[in-house]
Amino acid sequence: MRKERPKNLDLSTVKFPITATASILHRVSGIIVFIALAIFLTLLNCSLSSAQDFQSVQGYLDLFIVEFVFWGSLTGLAYHAVFGVRHMIQDLGYWEELDSASLSAKVGFGLTAVLSILAGILVW
């Protein structure tokens, strides 16, 4: 027997719980960290090639867009680390209930915001 289910493909009308949002953003932050690693390794490789390349890379670091990429990368790394630890704690059997999982996600968001501000101070 075929069931006709309502289809809602508009994701902007769906309200995700905070735990689902945290999980999705953890995956996104992993992608950001992976891409940032490629950028940082390219800059490192270029800076180690010659003295002139080192000077050019040093000149790039004064650009706002490069500073913004560094800040975004550090924020992504902080988020991925904080929520990675949260997921490992959940693997041990803690914070699996809805209330404690929601609270740990909120604490993780707060801790990531603090680390993001510290990263901004470090970069700028």
PDB file of N, CA and C in Angstrom:
ATOM      1  N   MET A   1       0.832  -1.171   0.000  1.00  0.00           N
ATOM      2  CA  MET A   1       0.000   0.000   0.000  1.00  0.00           C
ATOM      3  C   MET A   1       0.888   1.251   0.000  1.00  0.00           C
ATOM      4  N   ARG A   2       0.606   2.153  -0.885  1.00  0.00           N
ATOM      5  CA  ARG A   2       1.409   3.357  -1.038  1.00  0.00           C
ATOM      6  C   ARG A   2       0.819   4.480  -0.207  1.00  0.00           C
ATOM      7  N   LYS A   3       1.662   5.080   0.607  1.00  0.00           N
ATOM      8  CA  LYS A   3       1.217   6.202   1.432  1.00  0.00           C
ATOM      9  C   LYS A   3       1.575   7.507   0.739  1.00  0.00           C
ATOM     10  N   GLU A   4       0.649   8.379   0.675  1.00  0.00           N
ATOM     11  CA  GLU A   4       0.898   9.709   0.137  1.00  0.00           C
ATOM     12  C   GLU A   4       1.290  10.614   1.299  1.00  0.00           C
ATOM     13  N   ARG A   5       2.504  11.016   1.289  1.00  0.00           N
ATOM     14  CA  ARG A   5       2.995  11.882   2.340  1.00  0.00           C
ATOM     15  C   ARG A   5       3.100  13.302   1.813  1.00  0.00           C
ATOM     16  N   PRO A   6       2.873  14.257   2.689  1.00  0.00           N
ATOM     17  CA  PRO A   6       3.077  15.641   2.241  1.00  0.00           C
ATOM     18  C   PRO A   6       4.568  15.894   2.037  1.00  0.00           C
ATOM     19  N   LYS A   7       4.872  16.616   1.002  1.00  0.00           N
ATOM     20  CA  LYS A   7       6.267  16.915   0.685  1.00  0.00           C
ATOM     21  C   LYS A   7       6.517  18.398   0.895  1.00  0.00           C
ATOM     22  N   ASN A   8       7.484  18.678   1.744  1.00  0.00           N
ATOM     23  CA  ASN A   8       7.869  20.054   1.993  1.00  0.00           C
ATOM     24  C   ASN A   8       9.347  20.170   1.657  1.00  0.00           C
ATOM     25  N   LEU A   9       9.640  20.672   0.500  1.00  0.00           N
ATOM     26  CA  LEU A   9      11.024  20.777   0.058  1.00  0.00           C
ATOM     27  C   LEU A   9      11.639  22.140   0.339  1.00  0.00           C
ATOM     28  N   ASP A  10      10.891  23.035   0.956  1.00  0.00           N
ATOM     29  CA  ASP A  10      11.397  24.358   1.285  1.00  0.00           C
ATOM     30  C   ASP A  10      12.058  24.294   2.664  1.00  0.00           C
ATOM     31  N   LEU A  11      13.401  24.199   2.681  1.00  0.00           N
ATOM     32  CA  LEU A  11      14.121  24.037   3.941  1.00  0.00           C
ATOM     33  C   LEU A  11      14.070  25.274   4.822  1.00  0.00           C
ATOM     34  N   SER A  12      13.713  26.419   4.243  1.00  0.00           N
ATOM     35  CA  SER A  12      13.632  27.622   5.064  1.00  0.00           C
ATOM     36  C   SER A  12      12.426  27.589   6.002  1.00  0.00           C
ATOM     37  N   THR A  13      11.461  26.725   5.744  1.00  0.00           N
ATOM     38  CA  THR A  13      10.300  26.624   6.626  1.00  0.00           C
ATOM     39  C   THR A  13      10.476  25.552   7.700  1.00  0.00           C
ATOM     40  N   VAL A  14      11.533  24.763   7.597  1.00  0.00           N
ATOM     41  CA  VAL A  14      11.783  23.703   8.567  1.00  0.00           C
ATOM     42  C   VAL A  14      12.603  24.265   9.713  1.00  0.00           C
ATOM     43  N   LYS A  15      12.170  24.005  10.951  1.00  0.00           N
ATOM     44  CA  LYS A  15      12.923  24.456  12.124  1.00  0.00           C
ATOM     45  C   LYS A  15      13.703  23.271  12.679  1.00  0.00           C
ATOM     46  N   PHE A  16      15.025  23.334  12.537  1.00  0.00           N
ATOM     47  CA  PHE A  16      15.876  22.275  13.041  1.00  0.00           C
ATOM     48  C   PHE A  16      16.120  22.466  14.530  1.00  0.00           C
ATOM     49  N   PRO A  17      16.208  21.380  15.294  1.00  0.00           N
ATOM     50  CA  PRO A  17      16.621  21.521  16.698  1.00  0.00           C
ATOM     51  C   PRO A  17      18.082  21.957  16.773  1.00  0.00           C
ATOM     52  N   ILE A  18      18.462  22.512  17.896  1.00  0.00           N
ATOM     53  CA  ILE A  18      19.817  23.055  18.032  1.00  0.00           C
ATOM     54  C   ILE A  18      20.874  21.968  17.881  1.00  0.00           C
ATOM     55  N   THR A  19      20.535  20.744  18.267  1.00  0.00           N
ATOM     56  CA  THR A  19      21.497  19.652  18.132  1.00  0.00           C
ATOM     57  C   THR A  19      21.741  19.308  16.662  1.00  0.00           C
ATOM     58  N   ALA A  20      20.712  19.385  15.848  1.00  0.00           N
ATOM     59  CA  ALA A  20      20.875  19.124  14.416  1.00  0.00           C
ATOM     60  C   ALA A  20      21.685  20.238  13.760  1.00  0.00           C
ATOM     61  N   THR A  21      21.429  21.467  14.154  1.00  0.00           N
ATOM     62  CA  THR A  21      22.187  22.599  13.632  1.00  0.00           C
ATOM     63  C   THR A  21      23.662  22.470  13.992  1.00  0.00           C
ATOM     64  N   ALA A  22      23.927  22.063  15.235  1.00  0.00           N
ATOM     65  CA  ALA A  22      25.312  21.884  15.672  1.00  0.00           C
ATOM     66  C   ALA A  22      25.998  20.788  14.866  1.00  0.00           C
ATOM     67  N   SER A  23      25.291  19.724  14.591  1.00  0.00           N
ATOM     68  CA  SER A  23      25.870  18.616  13.833  1.00  0.00           C
ATOM     69  C   SER A  23      26.161  19.012  12.383  1.00  0.00           C
ATOM     70  N   ILE A  24      25.233  19.716  11.766  1.00  0.00           N
ATOM     71  CA  ILE A  24      25.427  20.162  10.382  1.00  0.00           C
ATOM     72  C   ILE A  24      26.595  21.146  10.297  1.00  0.00           C
ATOM     73  N   LEU A  25      26.651  22.087  11.243  1.00  0.00           N
ATOM     74  CA  LEU A  25      27.734  23.064  11.232  1.00  0.00           C
ATOM     75  C   LEU A  25      29.085  22.423  11.539  1.00  0.00           C
ATOM     76  N   HIS A  26      29.082  21.325  12.291  1.00  0.00           N
ATOM     77  CA  HIS A  26      30.328  20.609  12.553  1.00  0.00           C
ATOM     78  C   HIS A  26      30.886  20.042  11.249  1.00  0.00           C
ATOM     79  N   ARG A  27      30.020  19.529  10.407  1.00  0.00           N
ATOM     80  CA  ARG A  27      30.463  19.014   9.109  1.00  0.00           C
ATOM     81  C   ARG A  27      30.957  20.146   8.210  1.00  0.00           C
ATOM     82  N   VAL A  28      30.247  21.267   8.229  1.00  0.00           N
ATOM     83  CA  VAL A  28      30.656  22.426   7.422  1.00  0.00           C
ATOM     84  C   VAL A  28      32.006  22.948   7.904  1.00  0.00           C
ATOM     85  N   SER A  29      32.200  23.000   9.214  1.00  0.00           N
ATOM     86  CA  SER A  29      33.474  23.492   9.740  1.00  0.00           C
ATOM     87  C   SER A  29      34.623  22.553   9.368  1.00  0.00           C
ATOM     88  N   GLY A  30      34.348  21.261   9.257  1.00  0.00           N
ATOM     89  CA  GLY A  30      35.372  20.320   8.805  1.00  0.00           C
ATOM     90  C   GLY A  30      35.803  20.616   7.386  1.00  0.00           C
ATOM     91  N   ILE A  31      34.854  20.969   6.535  1.00  0.00           N
ATOM     92  CA  ILE A  31      35.181  21.337   5.155  1.00  0.00           C
ATOM     93  C   ILE A  31      35.989  22.636   5.132  1.00  0.00           C
ATOM     94  N   ILE A  32      35.603  23.594   5.968  1.00  0.00           N
ATOM     95  CA  ILE A  32      36.338  24.865   6.040  1.00  0.00           C
ATOM     96  C   ILE A  32      37.771  24.624   6.488  1.00  0.00           C
ATOM     97  N   VAL A  33      37.962  23.783   7.489  1.00  0.00           N
ATOM     98  CA  VAL A  33      39.310  23.486   7.985  1.00  0.00           C
ATOM     99  C   VAL A  33      40.125  22.783   6.900  1.00  0.00           C
ATOM    100  N   PHE A  34      39.509  21.890   6.155  1.00  0.00           N
ATOM    101  CA  PHE A  34      40.215  21.181   5.081  1.00  0.00           C
ATOM    102  C   PHE A  34      40.672  22.145   3.989  1.00  0.00           C
ATOM    103  N   ILE A  35      39.798  23.043   3.579  1.00  0.00           N
ATOM    104  CA  ILE A  35      40.148  24.025   2.549  1.00  0.00           C
ATOM    105  C   ILE A  35      41.204  25.001   3.070  1.00  0.00           C
ATOM    106  N   ALA A  36      41.064  25.419   4.332  1.00  0.00           N
ATOM    107  CA  ALA A  36      42.034  26.341   4.927  1.00  0.00           C
ATOM    108  C   ALA A  36      43.409  25.702   5.007  1.00  0.00           C
ATOM    109  N   LEU A  37      43.451  24.403   5.285  1.00  0.00           N
ATOM    110  CA  LEU A  37      44.737  23.710   5.336  1.00  0.00           C
ATOM    111  C   LEU A  37      45.450  23.782   3.991  1.00  0.00           C
ATOM    112  N   ALA A  38      44.699  23.618   2.920  1.00  0.00           N
ATOM    113  CA  ALA A  38      45.291  23.723   1.584  1.00  0.00           C
ATOM    114  C   ALA A  38      45.820  25.126   1.324  1.00  0.00           C
ATOM    115  N   ILE A  39      45.077  26.142   1.744  1.00  0.00           N
ATOM    116  CA  ILE A  39      45.518  27.530   1.558  1.00  0.00           C
ATOM    117  C   ILE A  39      46.780  27.803   2.368  1.00  0.00           C
ATOM    118  N   PHE A  40      46.794  27.366   3.629  1.00  0.00           N
ATOM    119  CA  PHE A  40      47.949  27.624   4.487  1.00  0.00           C
ATOM    120  C   PHE A  40      49.195  26.889   3.997  1.00  0.00           C
ATOM    121  N   LEU A  41      49.021  25.656   3.539  1.00  0.00           N
ATOM    122  CA  LEU A  41      50.168  24.906   3.023  1.00  0.00           C
ATOM    123  C   LEU A  41      50.710  25.527   1.736  1.00  0.00           C
ATOM    124  N   THR A  42      49.824  26.064   0.907  1.00  0.00           N
ATOM    125  CA  THR A  42      50.265  26.748  -0.308  1.00  0.00           C
ATOM    126  C   THR A  42      51.053  27.999   0.039  1.00  0.00           C
ATOM    127  N   LEU A  43      50.566  28.776   1.003  1.00  0.00           N
ATOM    128  CA  LEU A  43      51.298  29.969   1.426  1.00  0.00           C
ATOM    129  C   LEU A  43      52.639  29.602   2.044  1.00  0.00           C
ATOM    130  N   LEU A  44      52.669  28.533   2.831  1.00  0.00           N
ATOM    131  CA  LEU A  44      53.925  28.090   3.436  1.00  0.00           C
ATOM    132  C   LEU A  44      54.914  27.651   2.369  1.00  0.00           C
ATOM    133  N   ASN A  45      54.436  26.889   1.404  1.00  0.00           N
ATOM    134  CA  ASN A  45      55.304  26.433   0.319  1.00  0.00           C
ATOM    135  C   ASN A  45      55.864  27.620  -0.466  1.00  0.00           C
ATOM    136  N   CYS A  46      55.004  28.574  -0.731  1.00  0.00           N
ATOM    137  CA  CYS A  46      55.444  29.754  -1.486  1.00  0.00           C
ATOM    138  C   CYS A  46      56.453  30.567  -0.670  1.00  0.00           C
ATOM    139  N   SER A  47      56.230  30.693   0.623  1.00  0.00           N
ATOM    140  CA  SER A  47      57.131  31.504   1.447  1.00  0.00           C
ATOM    141  C   SER A  47      58.495  30.855   1.628  1.00  0.00           C
ATOM    142  N   LEU A  48      58.571  29.540   1.481  1.00  0.00           N
ATOM    143  CA  LEU A  48      59.841  28.849   1.657  1.00  0.00           C
ATOM    144  C   LEU A  48      60.625  28.698   0.360  1.00  0.00           C
ATOM    145  N   SER A  49      60.057  29.145  -0.742  1.00  0.00           N
ATOM    146  CA  SER A  49      60.728  28.988  -2.043  1.00  0.00           C
ATOM    147  C   SER A  49      61.939  29.901  -2.184  1.00  0.00           C
ATOM    148  N   SER A  50      61.750  31.174  -1.884  1.00  0.00           N
ATOM    149  CA  SER A  50      62.849  32.128  -2.008  1.00  0.00           C
ATOM    150  C   SER A  50      62.569  33.330  -1.111  1.00  0.00           C
ATOM    151  N   ALA A  51      63.556  34.190  -1.002  1.00  0.00           N
ATOM    152  CA  ALA A  51      63.392  35.385  -0.173  1.00  0.00           C
ATOM    153  C   ALA A  51      62.354  36.330  -0.778  1.00  0.00           C
ATOM    154  N   GLN A  52      62.317  36.419  -2.107  1.00  0.00           N
ATOM    155  CA  GLN A  52      61.337  37.289  -2.758  1.00  0.00           C
ATOM    156  C   GLN A  52      59.917  36.770  -2.542  1.00  0.00           C
ATOM    157  N   ASP A  53      59.754  35.459  -2.648  1.00  0.00           N
ATOM    158  CA  ASP A  53      58.423  34.877  -2.412  1.00  0.00           C
ATOM    159  C   ASP A  53      57.999  35.067  -0.955  1.00  0.00           C
ATOM    160  N   PHE A  54      58.967  34.992  -0.044  1.00  0.00           N
ATOM    161  CA  PHE A  54      58.648  35.235   1.355  1.00  0.00           C
ATOM    162  C   PHE A  54      58.138  36.658   1.554  1.00  0.00           C
ATOM    163  N   GLN A  55      58.786  37.611   0.909  1.00  0.00           N
ATOM    164  CA  GLN A  55      58.355  39.012   1.004  1.00  0.00           C
ATOM    165  C   GLN A  55      56.963  39.200   0.409  1.00  0.00           C
ATOM    166  N   SER A  56      56.679  38.515  -0.705  1.00  0.00           N
ATOM    167  CA  SER A  56      55.354  38.660  -1.317  1.00  0.00           C
ATOM    168  C   SER A  56      54.272  38.044  -0.425  1.00  0.00           C
ATOM    169  N   VAL A  57      54.567  36.896   0.183  1.00  0.00           N
ATOM    170  CA  VAL A  57      53.593  36.290   1.104  1.00  0.00           C
ATOM    171  C   VAL A  57      53.388  37.190   2.313  1.00  0.00           C
ATOM    172  N   GLN A  58      54.459  37.783   2.788  1.00  0.00           N
ATOM    173  CA  GLN A  58      54.351  38.700   3.923  1.00  0.00           C
ATOM    174  C   GLN A  58      53.494  39.913   3.556  1.00  0.00           C
ATOM    175  N   GLY A  59      53.583  40.360   2.305  1.00  0.00           N
ATOM    176  CA  GLY A  59      52.735  41.457   1.838  1.00  0.00           C
ATOM    177  C   GLY A  59      51.275  41.050   1.755  1.00  0.00           C
ATOM    178  N   TYR A  60      51.015  39.787   1.401  1.00  0.00           N
ATOM    179  CA  TYR A  60      49.631  39.300   1.359  1.00  0.00           C
ATOM    180  C   TYR A  60      48.981  39.323   2.734  1.00  0.00           C
ATOM    181  N   LEU A  61      49.769  39.085   3.767  1.00  0.00           N
ATOM    182  CA  LEU A  61      49.217  38.970   5.112  1.00  0.00           C
ATOM    183  C   LEU A  61      48.686  40.291   5.650  1.00  0.00           C
ATOM    184  N   ASP A  62      49.022  41.405   4.988  1.00  0.00           N
ATOM    185  CA  ASP A  62      48.506  42.704   5.405  1.00  0.00           C
ATOM    186  C   ASP A  62      47.159  43.037   4.770  1.00  0.00           C
ATOM    187  N   LEU A  63      46.713  42.225   3.814  1.00  0.00           N
ATOM    188  CA  LEU A  63      45.432  42.477   3.146  1.00  0.00           C
ATOM    189  C   LEU A  63      44.276  42.053   4.045  1.00  0.00           C
ATOM    190  N   PHE A  64      43.214  42.841   4.018  1.00  0.00           N
ATOM    191  CA  PHE A  64      42.058  42.550   4.875  1.00  0.00           C
ATOM    192  C   PHE A  64      41.428  41.208   4.527  1.00  0.00           C
ATOM    193  N   ILE A  65      41.331  40.896   3.253  1.00  0.00           N
ATOM    194  CA  ILE A  65      40.671  39.650   2.848  1.00  0.00           C
ATOM    195  C   ILE A  65      41.453  38.435   3.353  1.00  0.00           C
ATOM    196  N   VAL A  66      42.780  38.527   3.357  1.00  0.00           N
ATOM    197  CA  VAL A  66      43.602  37.423   3.861  1.00  0.00           C
ATOM    198  C   VAL A  66      43.450  37.310   5.378  1.00  0.00           C
ATOM    199  N   GLU A  67      43.405  38.435   6.067  1.00  0.00           N
ATOM    200  CA  GLU A  67      43.176  38.414   7.511  1.00  0.00           C
ATOM    201  C   GLU A  67      41.799  37.826   7.822  1.00  0.00           C
ATOM    202  N   PHE A  68      40.820  38.169   7.009  1.00  0.00           N
ATOM    203  CA  PHE A  68      39.471  37.640   7.212  1.00  0.00           C
ATOM    204  C   PHE A  68      39.444  36.127   6.994  1.00  0.00           C
ATOM    205  N   VAL A  69      40.173  35.657   5.990  1.00  0.00           N
ATOM    206  CA  VAL A  69      40.255  34.207   5.743  1.00  0.00           C
ATOM    207  C   VAL A  69      40.942  33.517   6.917  1.00  0.00           C
ATOM    208  N   PHE A  70      42.005  34.127   7.450  1.00  0.00           N
ATOM    209  CA  PHE A  70      42.672  33.558   8.623  1.00  0.00           C
ATOM    210  C   PHE A  70      41.717  33.495   9.807  1.00  0.00           C
ATOM    211  N   TRP A  71      40.986  34.582  10.037  1.00  0.00           N
ATOM    212  CA  TRP A  71      40.038  34.597  11.150  1.00  0.00           C
ATOM    213  C   TRP A  71      38.940  33.555  10.949  1.00  0.00           C
ATOM    214  N   GLY A  72      38.408  33.459   9.747  1.00  0.00           N
ATOM    215  CA  GLY A  72      37.374  32.457   9.476  1.00  0.00           C
ATOM    216  C   GLY A  72      37.900  31.039   9.633  1.00  0.00           C
ATOM    217  N   SER A  73      39.141  30.830   9.219  1.00  0.00           N
ATOM    218  CA  SER A  73      39.746  29.506   9.356  1.00  0.00           C
ATOM    219  C   SER A  73      39.959  29.154  10.819  1.00  0.00           C
ATOM    220  N   LEU A  74      40.436  30.100  11.603  1.00  0.00           N
ATOM    221  CA  LEU A  74      40.629  29.851  13.031  1.00  0.00           C
ATOM    222  C   LEU A  74      39.303  29.626  13.740  1.00  0.00           C
ATOM    223  N   THR A  75      38.278  30.366  13.333  1.00  0.00           N
ATOM    224  CA  THR A  75      36.957  30.166  13.915  1.00  0.00           C
ATOM    225  C   THR A  75      36.411  28.792  13.543  1.00  0.00           C
ATOM    226  N   GLY A  76      36.577  28.387  12.286  1.00  0.00           N
ATOM    227  CA  GLY A  76      36.145  27.055  11.869  1.00  0.00           C
ATOM    228  C   GLY A  76      36.882  25.960  12.610  1.00  0.00           C
ATOM    229  N   LEU A  77      38.188  26.155  12.814  1.00  0.00           N
ATOM    230  CA  LEU A  77      38.978  25.179  13.556  1.00  0.00           C
ATOM    231  C   LEU A  77      38.523  25.101  15.011  1.00  0.00           C
ATOM    232  N   ALA A  78      38.253  26.242  15.616  1.00  0.00           N
ATOM    233  CA  ALA A  78      37.777  26.259  17.005  1.00  0.00           C
ATOM    234  C   ALA A  78      36.434  25.551  17.117  1.00  0.00           C
ATOM    235  N   TYR A  79      35.527  25.853  16.197  1.00  0.00           N
ATOM    236  CA  TYR A  79      34.207  25.211  16.224  1.00  0.00           C
ATOM    237  C   TYR A  79      34.352  23.701  16.056  1.00  0.00           C
ATOM    238  N   HIS A  80      35.175  23.294  15.097  1.00  0.00           N
ATOM    239  CA  HIS A  80      35.334  21.870  14.822  1.00  0.00           C
ATOM    240  C   HIS A  80      35.957  21.157  16.025  1.00  0.00           C
ATOM    241  N   ALA A  81      36.897  21.805  16.692  1.00  0.00           N
ATOM    242  CA  ALA A  81      37.532  21.200  17.861  1.00  0.00           C
ATOM    243  C   ALA A  81      36.557  21.106  19.034  1.00  0.00           C
ATOM    244  N   VAL A  82      35.823  22.185  19.305  1.00  0.00           N
ATOM    245  CA  VAL A  82      34.885  22.192  20.438  1.00  0.00           C
ATOM    246  C   VAL A  82      33.805  21.141  20.236  1.00  0.00           C
ATOM    247  N   PHE A  83      33.209  21.102  19.071  1.00  0.00           N
ATOM    248  CA  PHE A  83      32.124  20.157  18.845  1.00  0.00           C
ATOM    249  C   PHE A  83      32.640  18.741  18.577  1.00  0.00           C
ATOM    250  N   GLY A  84      33.902  18.625  18.174  1.00  0.00           N
ATOM    251  CA  GLY A  84      34.504  17.301  18.083  1.00  0.00           C
ATOM    252  C   GLY A  84      34.652  16.682  19.462  1.00  0.00           C
ATOM    253  N   VAL A  85      35.090  17.489  20.427  1.00  0.00           N
ATOM    254  CA  VAL A  85      35.179  17.008  21.815  1.00  0.00           C
ATOM    255  C   VAL A  85      33.787  16.667  22.334  1.00  0.00           C
ATOM    256  N   ARG A  86      32.807  17.499  21.999  1.00  0.00           N
ATOM    257  CA  ARG A  86      31.423  17.226  22.419  1.00  0.00           C
ATOM    258  C   ARG A  86      30.939  15.886  21.861  1.00  0.00           C
ATOM    259  N   HIS A  87      31.238  15.617  20.593  1.00  0.00           N
ATOM    260  CA  HIS A  87      30.821  14.353  19.993  1.00  0.00           C
ATOM    261  C   HIS A  87      31.550  13.169  20.632  1.00  0.00           C
ATOM    262  N   MET A  88      32.826  13.349  20.980  1.00  0.00           N
ATOM    263  CA  MET A  88      33.550  12.264  21.636  1.00  0.00           C
ATOM    264  C   MET A  88      32.972  11.975  23.027  1.00  0.00           C
ATOM    265  N   ILE A  89      32.578  13.025  23.735  1.00  0.00           N
ATOM    266  CA  ILE A  89      31.942  12.823  25.038  1.00  0.00           C
ATOM    267  C   ILE A  89      30.610  12.100  24.866  1.00  0.00           C
ATOM    268  N   GLN A  90      29.871  12.435  23.816  1.00  0.00           N
ATOM    269  CA  GLN A  90      28.621  11.728  23.548  1.00  0.00           C
ATOM    270  C   GLN A  90      28.886  10.265  23.189  1.00  0.00           C
ATOM    271  N   ASP A  91      29.999   9.983  22.524  1.00  0.00           N
ATOM    272  CA  ASP A  91      30.347   8.595  22.220  1.00  0.00           C
ATOM    273  C   ASP A  91      30.609   7.792  23.487  1.00  0.00           C
ATOM    274  N   LEU A  92      31.006   8.479  24.553  1.00  0.00           N
ATOM    275  CA  LEU A  92      31.220   7.800  25.829  1.00  0.00           C
ATOM    276  C   LEU A  92      29.918   7.571  26.591  1.00  0.00           C
ATOM    277  N   GLY A  93      28.816   8.086  26.073  1.00  0.00           N
ATOM    278  CA  GLY A  93      27.514   7.846  26.676  1.00  0.00           C
ATOM    279  C   GLY A  93      26.942   8.995  27.482  1.00  0.00           C
ATOM    280  N   TYR A  94      27.610  10.129  27.453  1.00  0.00           N
ATOM    281  CA  TYR A  94      27.127  11.298  28.186  1.00  0.00           C
ATOM    282  C   TYR A  94      26.451  12.266  27.222  1.00  0.00           C
ATOM    283  N   TRP A  95      25.604  13.119  27.741  1.00  0.00           N
ATOM    284  CA  TRP A  95      24.927  14.189  26.992  1.00  0.00           C
ATOM    285  C   TRP A  95      24.128  13.650  25.811  1.00  0.00           C
ATOM    286  N   GLU A  96      23.552  12.480  25.967  1.00  0.00           N
ATOM    287  CA  GLU A  96      22.770  11.897  24.875  1.00  0.00           C
ATOM    288  C   GLU A  96      21.281  12.215  24.988  1.00  0.00           C
ATOM    289  N   GLU A  97      20.825  12.591  26.174  1.00  0.00           N
ATOM    290  CA  GLU A  97      19.417  12.954  26.336  1.00  0.00           C
ATOM    291  C   GLU A  97      19.187  14.318  25.701  1.00  0.00           C
ATOM    292  N   LEU A  98      17.937  14.584  25.355  1.00  0.00           N
ATOM    293  CA  LEU A  98      17.615  15.811  24.622  1.00  0.00           C
ATOM    294  C   LEU A  98      17.996  17.065  25.400  1.00  0.00           C
ATOM    295  N   ASP A  99      17.692  17.101  26.698  1.00  0.00           N
ATOM    296  CA  ASP A  99      17.996  18.301  27.484  1.00  0.00           C
ATOM    297  C   ASP A  99      19.496  18.544  27.610  1.00  0.00           C
ATOM    298  N   SER A 100      20.233  17.489  27.963  1.00  0.00           N
ATOM    299  CA  SER A 100      21.680  17.663  28.135  1.00  0.00           C
ATOM    300  C   SER A 100      22.372  17.891  26.795  1.00  0.00           C
ATOM    301  N   ALA A 101      21.881  17.285  25.726  1.00  0.00           N
ATOM    302  CA  ALA A 101      22.467  17.502  24.401  1.00  0.00           C
ATOM    303  C   ALA A 101      22.235  18.943  23.943  1.00  0.00           C
ATOM    304  N   SER A 102      21.052  19.466  24.197  1.00  0.00           N
ATOM    305  CA  SER A 102      20.766  20.861  23.834  1.00  0.00           C
ATOM    306  C   SER A 102      21.630  21.819  24.643  1.00  0.00           C
ATOM    307  N   LEU A 103      21.776  21.527  25.934  1.00  0.00           N
ATOM    308  CA  LEU A 103      22.596  22.391  26.779  1.00  0.00           C
ATOM    309  C   LEU A 103      24.059  22.348  26.344  1.00  0.00           C
ATOM    310  N   SER A 104      24.562  21.163  26.028  1.00  0.00           N
ATOM    311  CA  SER A 104      25.962  21.065  25.596  1.00  0.00           C
ATOM    312  C   SER A 104      26.169  21.767  24.249  1.00  0.00           C
ATOM    313  N   ALA A 105      25.175  21.747  23.387  1.00  0.00           N
ATOM    314  CA  ALA A 105      25.282  22.475  22.116  1.00  0.00           C
ATOM    315  C   ALA A 105      25.311  23.982  22.363  1.00  0.00           C
ATOM    316  N   LYS A 106      24.478  24.458  23.269  1.00  0.00           N
ATOM    317  CA  LYS A 106      24.472  25.895  23.588  1.00  0.00           C
ATOM    318  C   LYS A 106      25.792  26.328  24.206  1.00  0.00           C
ATOM    319  N   VAL A 107      26.328  25.498  25.103  1.00  0.00           N
ATOM    320  CA  VAL A 107      27.629  25.804  25.710  1.00  0.00           C
ATOM    321  C   VAL A 107      28.717  25.795  24.641  1.00  0.00           C
ATOM    322  N   GLY A 108      28.641  24.847  23.720  1.00  0.00           N
ATOM    323  CA  GLY A 108      29.613  24.783  22.629  1.00  0.00           C
ATOM    324  C   GLY A 108      29.558  26.016  21.741  1.00  0.00           C
ATOM    325  N   PHE A 109      28.345  26.484  21.442  1.00  0.00           N
ATOM    326  CA  PHE A 109      28.213  27.711  20.644  1.00  0.00           C
ATOM    327  C   PHE A 109      28.808  28.911  21.382  1.00  0.00           C
ATOM    328  N   GLY A 110      28.553  28.988  22.684  1.00  0.00           N
ATOM    329  CA  GLY A 110      29.108  30.084  23.480  1.00  0.00           C
ATOM    330  C   GLY A 110      30.623  30.039  23.539  1.00  0.00           C
ATOM    331  N   LEU A 111      31.172  28.846  23.758  1.00  0.00           N
ATOM    332  CA  LEU A 111      32.620  28.692  23.812  1.00  0.00           C
ATOM    333  C   LEU A 111      33.256  29.019  22.463  1.00  0.00           C
ATOM    334  N   THR A 112      32.610  28.630  21.391  1.00  0.00           N
ATOM    335  CA  THR A 112      33.129  28.949  20.059  1.00  0.00           C
ATOM    336  C   THR A 112      33.081  30.447  19.801  1.00  0.00           C
ATOM    337  N   ALA A 113      32.052  31.131  20.286  1.00  0.00           N
ATOM    338  CA  ALA A 113      31.976  32.586  20.121  1.00  0.00           C
ATOM    339  C   ALA A 113      33.125  33.274  20.851  1.00  0.00           C
ATOM    340  N   VAL A 114      33.428  32.814  22.051  1.00  0.00           N
ATOM    341  CA  VAL A 114      34.550  33.386  22.808  1.00  0.00           C
ATOM    342  C   VAL A 114      35.864  33.134  22.077  1.00  0.00           C
ATOM    343  N   LEU A 115      36.058  31.913  21.595  1.00  0.00           N
ATOM    344  CA  LEU A 115      37.290  31.584  20.856  1.00  0.00           C
ATOM    345  C   LEU A 115      37.381  32.367  19.549  1.00  0.00           C
ATOM    346  N   SER A 116      36.239  32.630  18.923  1.00  0.00           N
ATOM    347  CA  SER A 116      36.221  33.423  17.688  1.00  0.00           C
ATOM    348  C   SER A 116      36.651  34.867  17.960  1.00  0.00           C
ATOM    349  N   ILE A 117      36.185  35.410  19.062  1.00  0.00           N
ATOM    350  CA  ILE A 117      36.594  36.774  19.439  1.00  0.00           C
ATOM    351  C   ILE A 117      38.091  36.806  19.734  1.00  0.00           C
ATOM    352  N   LEU A 118      38.589  35.796  20.439  1.00  0.00           N
ATOM    353  CA  LEU A 118      40.019  35.736  20.715  1.00  0.00           C
ATOM    354  C   LEU A 118      40.828  35.582  19.432  1.00  0.00           C
ATOM    355  N   ALA A 119      40.320  34.820  18.484  1.00  0.00           N
ATOM    356  CA  ALA A 119      40.994  34.676  17.191  1.00  0.00           C
ATOM    357  C   ALA A 119      41.015  36.005  16.447  1.00  0.00           C
ATOM    358  N   GLY A 120      39.929  36.775  16.539  1.00  0.00           N
ATOM    359  CA  GLY A 120      39.881  38.091  15.918  1.00  0.00           C
ATOM    360  C   GLY A 120      40.897  39.039  16.524  1.00  0.00           C
ATOM    361  N   ILE A 121      41.056  38.966  17.847  1.00  0.00           N
ATOM    362  CA  ILE A 121      42.064  39.788  18.513  1.00  0.00           C
ATOM    363  C   ILE A 121      43.467  39.366  18.071  1.00  0.00           C
ATOM    364  N   LEU A 122      43.681  38.070  17.929  1.00  0.00           N
ATOM    365  CA  LEU A 122      44.969  37.551  17.504  1.00  0.00           C
ATOM    366  C   LEU A 122      45.308  37.980  16.077  1.00  0.00           C
ATOM    367  N   VAL A 123      44.324  37.934  15.190  1.00  0.00           N
ATOM    368  CA  VAL A 123      44.571  38.243  13.776  1.00  0.00           C
ATOM    369  C   VAL A 123      44.720  39.748  13.559  1.00  0.00           C
ATOM    370  N   TRP A 124      43.845  40.533  14.191  1.00  0.00           N
ATOM    371  CA  TRP A 124      43.879  41.972  13.958  1.00  0.00           C
ATOM    372  C   TRP A 124      44.590  42.669  15.076  1.00  0.00           C
TER     373      TRP A 124
END
